[in-house]
Amino acid sequence: YGVLPIFGVVTRKSAHNKLETVDYFKELALQIISTQVSDEMNIARLLVLAEQQNIKHFTIQLPYSLSEHQIALIYTEYRKPVSLHQENDFLQVRF
């Protein structure tokens, strides 16, 4: 597992070099997350990045729980099939 400090992203991937993959994902995530866009847009960007990195499941630790409207906006922004499940301040993502 790896945690991204901005959102607290926890990643899980079945690969030979899990640590390298998680570190690389974190490094890329820090480059695409922006304070200039909404949290929903940043999460959609993380979904695209995870898909590109062939990460099938990860959890984002948020500073607050998302509303149903915010989750709907993420689905709208991402535009591809994805499962988002929220438990308190954690958003579980499954492709």
C-alpha atoms as a PDB file:
ATOM      1  CA  TYR A   1       0.000   0.000   0.000  1.00  0.00           C
ATOM      2  CA  GLY A   2       1.048   3.564  -0.558  1.00  0.00           C
ATOM      3  CA  VAL A   3      -0.509   6.757   0.719  1.00  0.00           C
ATOM      4  CA  LEU A   4      -0.579  10.001  -1.236  1.00  0.00           C
ATOM      5  CA  PRO A   5      -0.557  12.843   1.300  1.00  0.00           C
ATOM      6  CA  ILE A   6      -2.821  15.290  -0.559  1.00  0.00           C
ATOM      7  CA  PHE A   7      -5.801  12.957  -0.688  1.00  0.00           C
ATOM      8  CA  GLY A   8      -4.309   9.986   1.132  1.00  0.00           C
ATOM      9  CA  VAL A   9      -4.453   7.672  -1.883  1.00  0.00           C
ATOM     10  CA  VAL A  10      -3.995   4.037  -1.021  1.00  0.00           C
ATOM     11  CA  THR A  11      -3.112   1.842  -3.980  1.00  0.00           C
ATOM     12  CA  ARG A  12      -3.087  -1.881  -4.489  1.00  0.00           C
ATOM     13  CA  LYS A  13      -1.861  -3.686  -7.590  1.00  0.00           C
ATOM     14  CA  SER A  14      -0.820  -7.234  -8.367  1.00  0.00           C
ATOM     15  CA  ALA A  15       2.611  -6.752  -9.912  1.00  0.00           C
ATOM     16  CA  HIS A  16       6.192  -7.835  -9.432  1.00  0.00           C
ATOM     17  CA  ASN A  17       7.379  -4.385  -8.460  1.00  0.00           C
ATOM     18  CA  LYS A  18       4.531  -3.193  -6.261  1.00  0.00           C
ATOM     19  CA  LEU A  19       6.603  -0.631  -4.405  1.00  0.00           C
ATOM     20  CA  GLU A  20       8.006   0.868  -7.597  1.00  0.00           C
ATOM     21  CA  THR A  21       4.528   0.966  -9.157  1.00  0.00           C
ATOM     22  CA  VAL A  22       3.006   2.692  -6.124  1.00  0.00           C
ATOM     23  CA  ASP A  23       5.858   5.192  -5.915  1.00  0.00           C
ATOM     24  CA  TYR A  24       5.580   5.938  -9.631  1.00  0.00           C
ATOM     25  CA  PHE A  25       1.795   6.370  -9.332  1.00  0.00           C
ATOM     26  CA  LYS A  26       2.267   8.776  -6.410  1.00  0.00           C
ATOM     27  CA  GLU A  27       4.863  10.744  -8.340  1.00  0.00           C
ATOM     28  CA  LEU A  28       2.575  11.066 -11.368  1.00  0.00           C
ATOM     29  CA  ALA A  29      -0.450  11.852  -9.190  1.00  0.00           C
ATOM     30  CA  LEU A  30       1.372  14.764  -7.586  1.00  0.00           C
ATOM     31  CA  GLN A  31       1.948  16.167 -11.073  1.00  0.00           C
ATOM     32  CA  ILE A  32      -1.709  16.031 -12.150  1.00  0.00           C
ATOM     33  CA  ILE A  33      -3.482  17.089  -8.951  1.00  0.00           C
ATOM     34  CA  SER A  34      -4.148  20.809  -8.953  1.00  0.00           C
ATOM     35  CA  THR A  35      -5.509  23.310  -6.462  1.00  0.00           C
ATOM     36  CA  GLN A  36      -6.906  25.186  -9.466  1.00  0.00           C
ATOM     37  CA  VAL A  37      -9.627  22.588 -10.159  1.00  0.00           C
ATOM     38  CA  SER A  38     -12.324  20.933  -8.072  1.00  0.00           C
ATOM     39  CA  ASP A  39     -11.777  17.845  -5.948  1.00  0.00           C
ATOM     40  CA  GLU A  40     -14.116  15.978  -8.298  1.00  0.00           C
ATOM     41  CA  MET A  41     -11.932  16.874 -11.287  1.00  0.00           C
ATOM     42  CA  ASN A  42      -8.784  15.866  -9.395  1.00  0.00           C
ATOM     43  CA  ILE A  43     -10.347  12.510  -8.522  1.00  0.00           C
ATOM     44  CA  ALA A  44     -11.377  11.990 -12.163  1.00  0.00           C
ATOM     45  CA  ARG A  45      -7.767  12.737 -13.133  1.00  0.00           C
ATOM     46  CA  LEU A  46      -6.572  10.125 -10.625  1.00  0.00           C
ATOM     47  CA  LEU A  47      -8.972   7.603 -12.187  1.00  0.00           C
ATOM     48  CA  VAL A  48      -7.510   8.248 -15.640  1.00  0.00           C
ATOM     49  CA  LEU A  49      -3.982   7.938 -14.277  1.00  0.00           C
ATOM     50  CA  ALA A  50      -4.759   4.694 -12.428  1.00  0.00           C
ATOM     51  CA  GLU A  51      -6.337   3.247 -15.566  1.00  0.00           C
ATOM     52  CA  GLN A  52      -3.261   4.207 -17.600  1.00  0.00           C
ATOM     53  CA  GLN A  53      -1.031   2.554 -14.987  1.00  0.00           C
ATOM     54  CA  ASN A  54      -3.212  -0.583 -15.053  1.00  0.00           C
ATOM     55  CA  ILE A  55      -4.134  -0.211 -11.380  1.00  0.00           C
ATOM     56  CA  LYS A  56      -7.396  -2.103 -10.899  1.00  0.00           C
ATOM     57  CA  HIS A  57      -8.308  -1.010  -7.373  1.00  0.00           C
ATOM     58  CA  PHE A  58      -7.301   1.782  -5.049  1.00  0.00           C
ATOM     59  CA  THR A  59      -8.679   3.807  -2.160  1.00  0.00           C
ATOM     60  CA  ILE A  60      -8.561   7.563  -1.769  1.00  0.00           C
ATOM     61  CA  GLN A  61      -8.581   8.988   1.743  1.00  0.00           C
ATOM     62  CA  LEU A  62     -10.331  12.341   1.532  1.00  0.00           C
ATOM     63  CA  PRO A  63     -10.321  15.193   4.039  1.00  0.00           C
ATOM     64  CA  TYR A  64     -14.141  14.949   4.094  1.00  0.00           C
ATOM     65  CA  SER A  65     -16.971  12.713   2.845  1.00  0.00           C
ATOM     66  CA  LEU A  66     -18.236  13.417  -0.648  1.00  0.00           C
ATOM     67  CA  SER A  67     -21.880  14.219  -1.307  1.00  0.00           C
ATOM     68  CA  GLU A  68     -23.912  12.161  -3.773  1.00  0.00           C
ATOM     69  CA  HIS A  69     -23.758  15.142  -6.134  1.00  0.00           C
ATOM     70  CA  GLN A  70     -19.951  15.184  -5.975  1.00  0.00           C
ATOM     71  CA  ILE A  71     -19.779  11.449  -6.674  1.00  0.00           C
ATOM     72  CA  ALA A  72     -22.137  11.934  -9.634  1.00  0.00           C
ATOM     73  CA  LEU A  73     -19.805  14.654 -10.946  1.00  0.00           C
ATOM     74  CA  ILE A  74     -16.863  12.231 -10.771  1.00  0.00           C
ATOM     75  CA  TYR A  75     -18.803   9.674 -12.845  1.00  0.00           C
ATOM     76  CA  THR A  76     -19.669  12.433 -15.335  1.00  0.00           C
ATOM     77  CA  GLU A  77     -16.066  13.642 -15.600  1.00  0.00           C
ATOM     78  CA  TYR A  78     -14.550  10.160 -15.925  1.00  0.00           C
ATOM     79  CA  ARG A  79     -17.118   8.946 -18.510  1.00  0.00           C
ATOM     80  CA  LYS A  80     -16.081   5.275 -18.327  1.00  0.00           C
ATOM     81  CA  PRO A  81     -17.360   2.334 -16.281  1.00  0.00           C
ATOM     82  CA  VAL A  82     -15.984   2.486 -12.749  1.00  0.00           C
ATOM     83  CA  SER A  83     -17.261   1.503  -9.316  1.00  0.00           C
ATOM     84  CA  LEU A  84     -17.018   4.165  -6.615  1.00  0.00           C
ATOM     85  CA  HIS A  85     -17.927   3.180  -3.069  1.00  0.00           C
ATOM     86  CA  GLN A  86     -17.628   5.630  -0.205  1.00  0.00           C
ATOM     87  CA  GLU A  87     -17.159   4.668   3.437  1.00  0.00           C
ATOM     88  CA  ASN A  88     -16.805   7.745   5.627  1.00  0.00           C
ATOM     89  CA  ASP A  89     -13.793   9.660   4.289  1.00  0.00           C
ATOM     90  CA  PHE A  90     -12.575   6.810   2.069  1.00  0.00           C
ATOM     91  CA  LEU A  91     -13.500   6.449  -1.593  1.00  0.00           C
ATOM     92  CA  GLN A  92     -12.901   2.958  -2.959  1.00  0.00           C
ATOM     93  CA  VAL A  93     -12.312   2.775  -6.697  1.00  0.00           C
ATOM     94  CA  ARG A  94     -12.635  -0.396  -8.774  1.00  0.00           C
ATOM     95  CA  PHE A  95     -12.270  -0.696 -12.532  1.00  0.00           C
END
